[in-house]
Amino acid sequence: MQRIVHGTCIDLSSEGKGVIKLQKDIVFVDGLFPGEEADIELLYQRAGVYFGKVKKLFKLSKDRIQPKCKICTSCGGCQYQQIDYKAQLVFKTNRVKNAIKRIGKVDAEVKPCIGAKNPYNYRNKIQVPFSKDRNGKVIYGFYKENSHIIMPVKECAIENKKAAPILWDIKLLLEKHKISTYNEDTGKGILRYVLIRTSLHFDELMVVLVTSTMNFPGQRNFIDELIKLHPEITTVVENVNSRHTNVILGEHEKVLYGKGYIQDKICDLTFNISASSFFQVNPEQVEVLYKTALNLLNDDKNQVVLDAYAGVGTIGLIASSKAKHVYSVELNKFASKNAVENAKRNNISNVTFACDDAGKYISSFDGELDVVIMDPPRKGSDEVFLDTLINKKVKNVIYVSCDPETLARDINYLSKYYKVTYIQPVDMFPMTCHVETVCLLTKVKNN
């Protein structure tokens, strides 16, 4: 396209891109923030919107800082590293406010976003693709935004510091043992991704090797040398994904070393986390998030609670101390199995688990529900689930959302029957545009 335009950033998009308005055209720009003025190179157009990159900055935001990572803009993983953390929290609060007003079409107070004590090196889950460069050298890193081009990264500013040396030694061992990396174009090669999970409260660390085939050549020697180099690794799991897909994990797993899972704590409860289980990536902020949500439960221990989209059972198990009974529903079979184990581990007996789709389960649920706690994926809930909330006349819905726009859409769908009485953003993902939100919806009388 090779066209240069000049403009001033007036806002941020939901993806954390700077917004420039040029007469009738809108331009989204990485690494540009409100009030900043720049020359922009237009790269491409999609759905009527131009996308561009900064060529030259003329006016800088008072909140701009030097990022810790040199490739944060081109990587696409950290949209906000160039901006002061306090300003990030303001952006996130405003994103939730705008979504609730524009999409939700309700008038409700949005409290200031709760920030993290440490906004760096917080991620307890790191997953990186492995490949080879033009010279045949093994590389790993992150995909450049909207591409399959791997940008080599030796250390990431938001991942747990234990991951970097392990990933580097895996690269060296692959080269030493001549273990091939997967080629997406040809479908040949063995190692596709490496996933690392760390524990905050236990000295446990999991390495997951995502391969195209089970039992690759030289596997035993590779694992033995990796453990010798890094005795902090307590378990190694092989996950097989032979499909031509962007989905990282496959359905078949084999434990190569250790017990096949790690443990961590939330709100004094211990949880087992397997390779494919969903578990919040910021272990310090997840306690803030869950306590914020569960403080909305009253102390009536006769209430019946449904924990929908339950993952490994975290919210439901923590909520069990405030409920007569909790029904915990999760579709992922590995996570659902972990949830059952987690209840036993914590001696909790008033929770019933179901491996099922949340919408189907609640539709067929026989009985009354006082509270539904829902923590759906980024795409939000669906009309089957929301219609059942309405039909069953659930008194209170505690909605934990990882996407303000889909939260606002679902709030709008429920707005004739439920009033929004509490909205609290929580920053689970510092340096990125993402924000979690806890929302309380209360049944409107006579509806």
Protein backbone atom coordinates (compact mmCIF):
# COMPACT_ATOMS: atom_id res chain seq x y z
CA MET A 1 0.00 0.00 0.00
CA GLN A 2 2.96 2.31 0.79
CA ARG A 3 0.93 5.34 1.83
CA ILE A 4 1.96 7.70 4.64
CA VAL A 5 -0.64 9.69 6.58
CA HIS A 6 -0.39 12.07 9.53
CA GLY A 7 -2.76 12.05 12.49
CA THR A 8 -3.42 12.24 16.22
CA CYS A 9 -4.55 9.24 18.28
CA ILE A 10 -7.99 9.87 19.76
CA ASP A 11 -8.76 6.53 21.44
CA LEU A 12 -7.80 2.88 21.83
CA SER A 13 -9.54 -0.05 20.13
CA SER A 14 -10.63 -3.15 22.05
CA GLU A 15 -7.41 -4.79 20.79
CA GLY A 16 -5.27 -2.02 22.30
CA LYS A 17 -4.47 -0.29 19.01
CA GLY A 18 -4.35 3.49 18.70
CA VAL A 19 -7.29 4.95 16.78
CA ILE A 20 -6.81 7.74 14.23
CA LYS A 21 -9.71 9.32 12.36
CA LEU A 22 -8.95 10.75 8.91
CA GLN A 23 -12.10 12.34 7.49
CA LYS A 24 -14.16 9.24 6.69
CA ASP A 25 -11.40 6.70 7.34
CA ILE A 26 -10.38 4.99 10.58
CA VAL A 27 -6.82 3.79 11.11
CA PHE A 28 -5.71 1.32 13.83
CA VAL A 29 -2.05 1.63 14.86
CA ASP A 30 0.06 -0.56 17.16
CA GLY A 31 2.01 1.26 19.87
CA LEU A 32 0.22 4.60 19.56
CA PHE A 33 -1.66 6.09 22.50
CA PRO A 34 -4.28 8.82 23.04
CA GLY A 35 -2.91 12.32 22.45
CA GLU A 36 0.11 11.14 20.45
CA GLU A 37 0.75 12.56 16.98
CA ALA A 38 2.58 10.58 14.31
CA ASP A 39 3.27 9.79 10.67
CA ILE A 40 1.63 6.44 9.94
CA GLU A 41 2.38 3.98 7.17
CA LEU A 42 -0.81 2.26 6.02
CA LEU A 43 -0.21 -1.49 5.69
CA TYR A 44 -3.55 -2.98 4.68
CA GLN A 45 -7.30 -2.56 4.90
CA ARG A 46 -9.74 -4.99 6.47
CA ALA A 47 -13.51 -4.67 7.01
CA GLY A 48 -13.38 -1.01 6.03
CA VAL A 49 -10.63 -0.14 8.54
CA TYR A 50 -7.00 0.67 7.75
CA PHE A 51 -4.16 -0.83 9.79
CA GLY A 52 -0.84 0.94 10.02
CA LYS A 53 2.46 1.31 11.86
CA VAL A 54 4.23 4.33 13.31
CA LYS A 55 6.89 5.79 11.02
CA LYS A 56 7.71 8.87 13.10
CA LEU A 57 6.39 10.20 16.41
CA PHE A 58 5.93 13.97 16.74
CA LYS A 59 4.07 14.23 20.03
CA LEU A 60 4.38 11.72 22.88
CA SER A 61 1.94 10.87 25.65
CA LYS A 62 3.02 12.06 29.11
CA ASP A 63 2.50 8.44 30.20
CA ARG A 64 4.85 6.89 27.62
CA ILE A 65 7.79 4.91 29.07
CA GLN A 66 10.64 2.79 27.70
CA PRO A 67 9.38 -0.80 27.34
CA LYS A 68 11.36 -3.70 28.80
CA CYS A 69 10.90 -5.71 25.60
CA LYS A 70 12.22 -4.39 22.27
CA ILE A 71 9.68 -6.30 20.13
CA CYS A 72 6.55 -5.81 22.23
CA THR A 73 4.73 -3.93 19.46
CA SER A 74 5.56 -6.27 16.58
CA CYS A 75 5.05 -9.40 18.70
CA GLY A 76 1.49 -8.35 19.51
CA GLY A 77 1.54 -9.98 22.94
CA CYS A 78 2.01 -6.83 25.02
CA GLN A 79 0.10 -3.88 23.61
CA TYR A 80 0.73 -1.57 26.57
CA GLN A 81 4.40 -2.03 27.57
CA GLN A 82 5.24 1.46 26.33
CA ILE A 83 2.80 3.13 28.72
CA ASP A 84 2.91 3.72 32.49
CA TYR A 85 1.02 1.07 34.49
CA LYS A 86 -1.34 3.55 36.16
CA ALA A 87 -2.38 4.77 32.71
CA GLN A 88 -2.96 1.16 31.63
CA LEU A 89 -5.48 0.75 34.45
CA VAL A 90 -7.30 3.90 33.33
CA PHE A 91 -7.47 2.55 29.76
CA LYS A 92 -8.91 -0.73 31.01
CA THR A 93 -11.50 0.96 33.21
CA ASN A 94 -12.58 3.10 30.27
CA ARG A 95 -12.80 0.07 27.98
CA VAL A 96 -15.26 -1.59 30.36
CA LYS A 97 -17.24 1.66 30.79
CA ASN A 98 -17.50 2.18 27.03
CA ALA A 99 -18.58 -1.41 26.37
CA ILE A 100 -21.25 -1.37 29.07
CA LYS A 101 -22.65 1.92 27.79
CA ARG A 102 -22.32 1.36 24.02
CA ILE A 103 -23.11 -2.37 23.74
CA GLY A 104 -24.81 -3.16 27.04
CA LYS A 105 -26.94 -0.01 26.83
CA VAL A 106 -27.28 0.14 30.61
CA ASP A 107 -26.44 2.90 33.05
CA ALA A 108 -24.24 1.32 35.72
CA GLU A 109 -21.24 2.46 37.75
CA VAL A 110 -17.92 0.89 36.77
CA LYS A 111 -15.38 0.91 39.57
CA PRO A 112 -11.69 1.68 38.87
CA CYS A 113 -9.71 -1.33 37.67
CA ILE A 114 -7.83 -3.17 40.44
CA GLY A 115 -4.17 -3.35 39.47
CA ALA A 116 -1.46 -5.92 40.18
CA LYS A 117 1.29 -5.39 42.72
CA ASN A 118 3.80 -6.74 40.22
CA PRO A 119 2.86 -6.18 36.57
CA TYR A 120 5.85 -8.14 35.18
CA ASN A 121 6.84 -11.85 35.11
CA TYR A 122 3.41 -12.93 36.31
CA ARG A 123 2.43 -15.59 33.78
CA ASN A 124 2.48 -19.13 35.18
CA LYS A 125 1.75 -20.61 31.74
CA ILE A 126 4.03 -20.09 28.75
CA GLN A 127 3.50 -21.72 25.36
CA VAL A 128 5.85 -21.12 22.45
CA PRO A 129 6.12 -22.57 18.93
CA PHE A 130 9.39 -24.12 17.75
CA SER A 131 10.62 -24.04 14.16
CA LYS A 132 13.75 -23.44 12.08
CA ASP A 133 15.07 -20.29 10.47
CA ARG A 134 16.33 -19.98 6.88
CA ASN A 135 19.72 -21.34 7.93
CA GLY A 136 18.23 -24.45 9.51
CA LYS A 137 18.82 -23.29 13.09
CA VAL A 138 16.21 -24.11 15.73
CA ILE A 139 14.23 -21.04 16.82
CA TYR A 140 11.38 -20.43 19.24
CA GLY A 141 9.39 -17.39 20.26
CA PHE A 142 6.00 -15.89 19.47
CA TYR A 143 4.05 -15.54 16.27
CA LYS A 144 4.08 -12.07 14.80
CA GLU A 145 0.54 -10.71 14.96
CA ASN A 146 -1.76 -12.07 12.21
CA SER A 147 0.97 -14.30 10.79
CA HIS A 148 2.79 -17.61 11.15
CA ILE A 149 6.16 -15.88 11.32
CA ILE A 150 7.99 -16.75 14.56
CA MET A 151 9.73 -13.83 16.21
CA PRO A 152 12.60 -15.30 18.27
CA VAL A 153 12.37 -14.26 21.93
CA LYS A 154 14.93 -15.46 24.46
CA GLU A 155 13.14 -13.92 27.45
CA CYS A 156 9.64 -12.47 27.79
CA ALA A 157 8.94 -9.64 30.25
CA ILE A 158 5.61 -11.06 31.45
CA GLU A 159 6.42 -14.77 31.71
CA ASN A 160 7.73 -16.52 34.82
CA LYS A 161 11.52 -16.14 34.92
CA LYS A 162 11.99 -19.89 35.34
CA ALA A 163 10.84 -20.51 31.76
CA ALA A 164 13.58 -18.75 29.78
CA PRO A 165 16.58 -20.98 30.67
CA ILE A 166 14.49 -24.14 30.17
CA LEU A 167 13.35 -23.07 26.71
CA TRP A 168 16.93 -22.21 25.73
CA ASP A 169 18.23 -25.61 26.81
CA ILE A 170 15.40 -27.38 24.98
CA LYS A 171 16.56 -25.60 21.82
CA LEU A 172 20.14 -26.79 22.40
CA LEU A 173 19.02 -30.36 23.13
CA LEU A 174 16.92 -30.47 19.98
CA GLU A 175 19.99 -29.54 17.96
CA LYS A 176 22.22 -31.99 19.85
CA HIS A 177 19.87 -34.95 19.42
CA LYS A 178 18.82 -33.92 15.89
CA ILE A 179 15.14 -33.87 16.82
CA SER A 180 13.23 -32.08 14.10
CA THR A 181 10.79 -29.21 14.58
CA TYR A 182 7.39 -29.22 12.91
CA ASN A 183 6.92 -27.51 9.54
CA GLU A 184 3.38 -26.20 9.10
CA ASP A 185 3.64 -26.09 5.30
CA THR A 186 4.87 -29.66 4.78
CA GLY A 187 3.27 -31.24 7.85
CA LYS A 188 6.60 -32.91 8.64
CA GLY A 189 8.73 -32.70 11.77
CA ILE A 190 8.20 -33.61 15.42
CA LEU A 191 8.21 -30.81 18.00
CA ARG A 192 5.48 -28.21 17.51
CA TYR A 193 5.23 -26.32 20.81
CA VAL A 194 6.63 -26.30 24.31
CA LEU A 195 4.29 -25.38 27.15
CA ILE A 196 5.63 -24.60 30.63
CA ARG A 197 3.47 -24.33 33.75
CA THR A 198 4.85 -23.03 37.05
CA SER A 199 3.42 -23.06 40.58
CA LEU A 200 3.44 -20.06 42.92
CA HIS A 201 2.96 -21.92 46.20
CA PHE A 202 4.78 -25.22 45.48
CA ASP A 203 8.20 -26.04 44.07
CA GLU A 204 6.67 -27.70 41.05
CA LEU A 205 7.12 -27.08 37.33
CA MET A 206 5.65 -28.85 34.29
CA VAL A 207 7.05 -29.07 30.78
CA VAL A 208 4.68 -30.14 28.01
CA LEU A 209 6.16 -31.21 24.66
CA VAL A 210 3.55 -30.88 21.92
CA THR A 211 4.58 -33.28 19.18
CA SER A 212 3.16 -34.51 15.88
CA THR A 213 3.70 -38.15 16.81
CA MET A 214 4.04 -40.21 19.97
CA ASN A 215 7.43 -41.56 21.14
CA PHE A 216 9.83 -39.58 18.97
CA PRO A 217 13.37 -40.93 18.38
CA GLY A 218 15.86 -40.11 21.14
CA GLN A 219 13.06 -39.19 23.53
CA ARG A 220 14.45 -40.91 26.63
CA ASN A 221 17.92 -39.36 26.36
CA PHE A 222 16.37 -35.96 25.62
CA ILE A 223 14.20 -36.10 28.77
CA ASP A 224 17.00 -37.42 30.98
CA GLU A 225 19.36 -34.63 29.93
CA LEU A 226 16.67 -31.96 30.33
CA ILE A 227 15.91 -33.09 33.90
CA LYS A 228 19.62 -33.20 34.71
CA LEU A 229 20.01 -29.63 33.48
CA HIS A 230 16.85 -28.47 35.25
CA PRO A 231 16.03 -30.50 38.37
CA GLU A 232 13.32 -27.92 39.16
CA ILE A 233 11.19 -29.69 36.54
CA THR A 234 8.90 -32.05 38.43
CA THR A 235 6.94 -33.51 35.52
CA VAL A 236 7.16 -33.81 31.73
CA VAL A 237 4.15 -34.60 29.56
CA GLU A 238 3.98 -35.37 25.85
CA ASN A 239 0.86 -34.07 24.12
CA VAL A 240 0.26 -35.36 20.59
CA ASN A 241 -1.30 -33.04 18.04
CA SER A 242 -1.12 -34.48 14.53
CA ARG A 243 -3.82 -32.21 13.10
CA HIS A 244 -3.18 -29.35 10.69
CA THR A 245 -4.65 -26.72 12.99
CA ASN A 246 -3.90 -23.55 14.95
CA VAL A 247 -5.09 -25.29 18.14
CA ILE A 248 -2.01 -25.94 20.23
CA LEU A 249 -2.90 -29.06 22.23
CA GLY A 250 -4.14 -32.38 20.94
CA GLU A 251 -6.35 -34.92 22.73
CA HIS A 252 -3.75 -37.61 23.51
CA GLU A 253 -1.24 -37.29 26.34
CA LYS A 254 1.50 -39.41 27.86
CA VAL A 255 3.40 -38.74 31.08
CA LEU A 256 7.13 -39.01 30.40
CA TYR A 257 8.37 -38.01 33.84
CA GLY A 258 6.81 -37.33 37.23
CA LYS A 259 3.12 -37.42 38.13
CA GLY A 260 1.68 -35.62 35.09
CA TYR A 261 0.37 -32.56 36.89
CA ILE A 262 1.44 -29.77 39.22
CA GLN A 263 -0.30 -28.19 42.21
CA ASP A 264 -1.03 -24.62 43.19
CA LYS A 265 -3.15 -22.79 45.75
CA ILE A 266 -5.95 -20.26 45.50
CA CYS A 267 -7.63 -18.93 48.65
CA ASP A 268 -6.02 -21.69 50.76
CA LEU A 269 -7.36 -24.50 48.56
CA THR A 270 -4.99 -26.78 46.65
CA PHE A 271 -5.60 -27.54 42.97
CA ASN A 272 -4.19 -30.11 40.56
CA ILE A 273 -3.35 -28.66 37.14
CA SER A 274 -2.83 -30.94 34.16
CA ALA A 275 -1.30 -30.07 30.80
CA SER A 276 -4.60 -29.09 29.17
CA SER A 277 -6.50 -27.77 32.19
CA PHE A 278 -7.67 -24.18 32.26
CA PHE A 279 -6.12 -22.34 35.19
CA GLN A 280 -5.79 -18.58 35.50
CA VAL A 281 -2.32 -17.46 34.36
CA ASN A 282 -1.78 -14.78 37.02
CA PRO A 283 -1.70 -16.62 40.37
CA GLU A 284 -1.49 -13.50 42.55
CA GLN A 285 -4.28 -11.58 40.80
CA VAL A 286 -6.56 -14.61 40.54
CA GLU A 287 -7.07 -14.45 44.31
CA VAL A 288 -8.09 -10.80 43.94
CA LEU A 289 -10.45 -11.74 41.12
CA TYR A 290 -12.10 -14.66 42.91
CA LYS A 291 -12.39 -12.88 46.25
CA THR A 292 -14.03 -9.96 44.45
CA ALA A 293 -16.53 -12.34 42.86
CA LEU A 294 -17.24 -14.46 45.92
CA ASN A 295 -17.69 -11.45 48.20
CA LEU A 296 -20.89 -10.96 46.21
CA LEU A 297 -22.27 -14.21 47.65
CA ASN A 298 -24.27 -13.63 50.79
CA ASP A 299 -23.67 -15.71 53.91
CA ASP A 300 -26.86 -17.75 53.52
CA LYS A 301 -25.49 -21.27 53.67
CA ASN A 302 -28.80 -22.67 52.39
CA GLN A 303 -28.23 -21.32 48.87
CA VAL A 304 -27.76 -23.60 45.87
CA VAL A 305 -25.03 -22.44 43.47
CA LEU A 306 -24.19 -23.42 39.90
CA ASP A 307 -20.59 -22.91 38.78
CA ALA A 308 -20.71 -22.79 34.98
CA TYR A 309 -17.62 -23.05 32.73
CA ALA A 310 -15.89 -24.33 35.86
CA GLY A 311 -12.41 -25.30 34.60
CA VAL A 312 -10.66 -27.30 37.33
CA GLY A 313 -13.37 -26.30 39.79
CA THR A 314 -11.64 -23.29 41.34
CA ILE A 315 -14.53 -20.86 41.87
CA GLY A 316 -17.08 -23.50 42.79
CA LEU A 317 -14.85 -25.16 45.36
CA ILE A 318 -13.99 -21.84 46.97
CA ALA A 319 -17.71 -20.91 46.96
CA SER A 320 -18.69 -24.18 48.63
CA SER A 321 -18.00 -22.77 52.10
CA LYS A 322 -20.84 -20.28 51.53
CA ALA A 323 -23.36 -22.67 49.99
CA LYS A 324 -25.58 -25.60 50.82
CA HIS A 325 -24.54 -27.24 47.56
CA VAL A 326 -22.58 -26.31 44.43
CA TYR A 327 -23.05 -27.85 40.98
CA SER A 328 -19.85 -27.53 38.94
CA VAL A 329 -20.03 -27.90 35.13
CA GLU A 330 -17.09 -28.10 32.72
CA LEU A 331 -16.91 -29.45 29.16
CA ASN A 332 -13.17 -30.25 29.03
CA LYS A 333 -12.78 -33.85 30.24
CA PHE A 334 -9.26 -33.35 31.61
CA ALA A 335 -10.26 -30.26 33.58
CA SER A 336 -13.43 -31.95 34.83
CA LYS A 337 -11.40 -34.90 36.08
CA ASN A 338 -9.02 -32.50 37.84
CA ALA A 339 -12.01 -30.77 39.47
CA VAL A 340 -13.20 -34.03 41.05
CA GLU A 341 -9.68 -34.73 42.32
CA ASN A 342 -9.42 -31.18 43.68
CA ALA A 343 -12.61 -31.64 45.73
CA LYS A 344 -11.24 -34.83 47.26
CA ARG A 345 -7.87 -33.23 47.94
CA ASN A 346 -9.53 -30.37 49.83
CA ASN A 347 -12.08 -32.61 51.63
CA ILE A 348 -15.04 -30.81 50.07
CA SER A 349 -18.17 -32.94 49.82
CA ASN A 350 -20.96 -30.48 48.94
CA VAL A 351 -20.01 -30.09 45.27
CA THR A 352 -21.38 -32.20 42.40
CA PHE A 353 -19.38 -32.28 39.17
CA ALA A 354 -20.59 -32.75 35.60
CA CYS A 355 -18.56 -32.99 32.41
CA ASP A 356 -21.03 -31.29 30.07
CA ASP A 357 -21.82 -28.21 28.03
CA ALA A 358 -23.00 -25.48 30.41
CA GLY A 359 -26.03 -24.57 28.30
CA LYS A 360 -27.22 -28.17 27.97
CA TYR A 361 -26.65 -28.87 31.65
CA ILE A 362 -28.55 -25.89 33.00
CA SER A 363 -31.42 -26.52 30.55
CA SER A 364 -31.96 -30.00 31.95
CA PHE A 365 -31.24 -29.08 35.58
CA ASP A 366 -34.10 -30.21 37.81
CA GLY A 367 -34.40 -27.88 40.76
CA GLU A 368 -34.02 -24.28 41.85
CA LEU A 369 -30.80 -22.29 41.66
CA ASP A 370 -30.21 -19.31 43.92
CA VAL A 371 -26.95 -18.15 42.34
CA VAL A 372 -25.20 -18.88 39.07
CA ILE A 373 -21.50 -18.09 38.84
CA MET A 374 -20.42 -18.02 35.21
CA ASP A 375 -16.90 -17.63 33.86
CA PRO A 376 -17.29 -18.25 30.11
CA PRO A 377 -14.56 -18.17 27.45
CA ARG A 378 -13.73 -14.97 25.57
CA LYS A 379 -16.67 -15.41 23.18
CA GLY A 380 -19.05 -15.07 26.13
CA SER A 381 -22.12 -17.17 26.86
CA ASP A 382 -24.83 -18.29 24.45
CA GLU A 383 -28.57 -17.67 24.18
CA VAL A 384 -29.47 -21.20 25.33
CA PHE A 385 -27.67 -20.63 28.62
CA LEU A 386 -28.95 -17.06 29.08
CA ASP A 387 -32.55 -18.03 28.25
CA THR A 388 -32.41 -20.74 30.88
CA LEU A 389 -31.22 -18.23 33.49
CA ILE A 390 -34.28 -16.16 32.67
CA ASN A 391 -36.71 -19.10 32.62
CA LYS A 392 -35.43 -20.56 35.87
CA LYS A 393 -35.66 -17.13 37.50
CA VAL A 394 -32.21 -17.39 39.04
CA LYS A 395 -32.02 -14.67 41.71
CA ASN A 396 -28.40 -13.59 41.28
CA VAL A 397 -25.85 -14.08 38.52
CA ILE A 398 -22.17 -13.45 39.20
CA TYR A 399 -20.56 -13.03 35.78
CA VAL A 400 -16.76 -13.24 35.60
CA SER A 401 -15.75 -12.05 32.15
CA CYS A 402 -12.48 -11.94 30.23
CA ASP A 403 -13.93 -9.77 27.45
CA PRO A 404 -15.84 -6.51 28.16
CA GLU A 405 -17.56 -6.50 24.77
CA THR A 406 -19.09 -9.99 25.05
CA LEU A 407 -19.97 -9.27 28.70
CA ALA A 408 -21.81 -6.13 27.58
CA ARG A 409 -23.59 -8.08 24.83
CA ASP A 410 -24.80 -10.69 27.33
CA ILE A 411 -25.83 -7.97 29.81
CA ASN A 412 -27.91 -6.35 27.07
CA TYR A 413 -29.59 -9.70 26.34
CA LEU A 414 -30.52 -10.09 30.01
CA SER A 415 -31.36 -6.42 30.66
CA LYS A 416 -35.16 -6.83 30.66
CA TYR A 417 -34.93 -9.40 33.43
CA TYR A 418 -31.77 -8.51 35.36
CA LYS A 419 -30.38 -5.28 36.77
CA VAL A 420 -26.63 -4.71 36.85
CA THR A 421 -25.80 -3.83 40.45
CA TYR A 422 -21.99 -4.15 40.54
CA ILE A 423 -19.15 -3.92 38.00
CA GLN A 424 -15.50 -4.28 39.03
CA PRO A 425 -12.66 -4.61 36.49
CA VAL A 426 -9.57 -6.55 37.65
CA ASP A 427 -6.26 -6.49 35.79
CA MET A 428 -5.21 -10.10 35.31
CA PHE A 429 -3.02 -9.34 32.30
CA PRO A 430 -0.74 -6.31 32.87
CA MET A 431 1.02 -4.92 29.78
CA THR A 432 -1.81 -6.20 27.55
CA CYS A 433 -5.16 -4.77 26.52
CA HIS A 434 -7.07 -7.61 28.22
CA VAL A 435 -9.13 -7.04 31.35
CA GLU A 436 -11.29 -9.27 33.56
CA THR A 437 -14.55 -7.96 34.95
CA VAL A 438 -16.72 -9.13 37.84
CA CYS A 439 -20.38 -8.24 37.37
CA LEU A 440 -23.41 -8.89 39.59
CA LEU A 441 -26.81 -9.13 37.94
CA THR A 442 -29.88 -9.24 40.18
CA LYS A 443 -33.32 -10.54 39.11
CA VAL A 444 -35.84 -7.78 38.52
CA LYS A 445 -39.02 -8.34 40.52
CA ASN A 446 -42.18 -9.32 38.62
CA ASN A 447 -40.15 -10.54 35.68
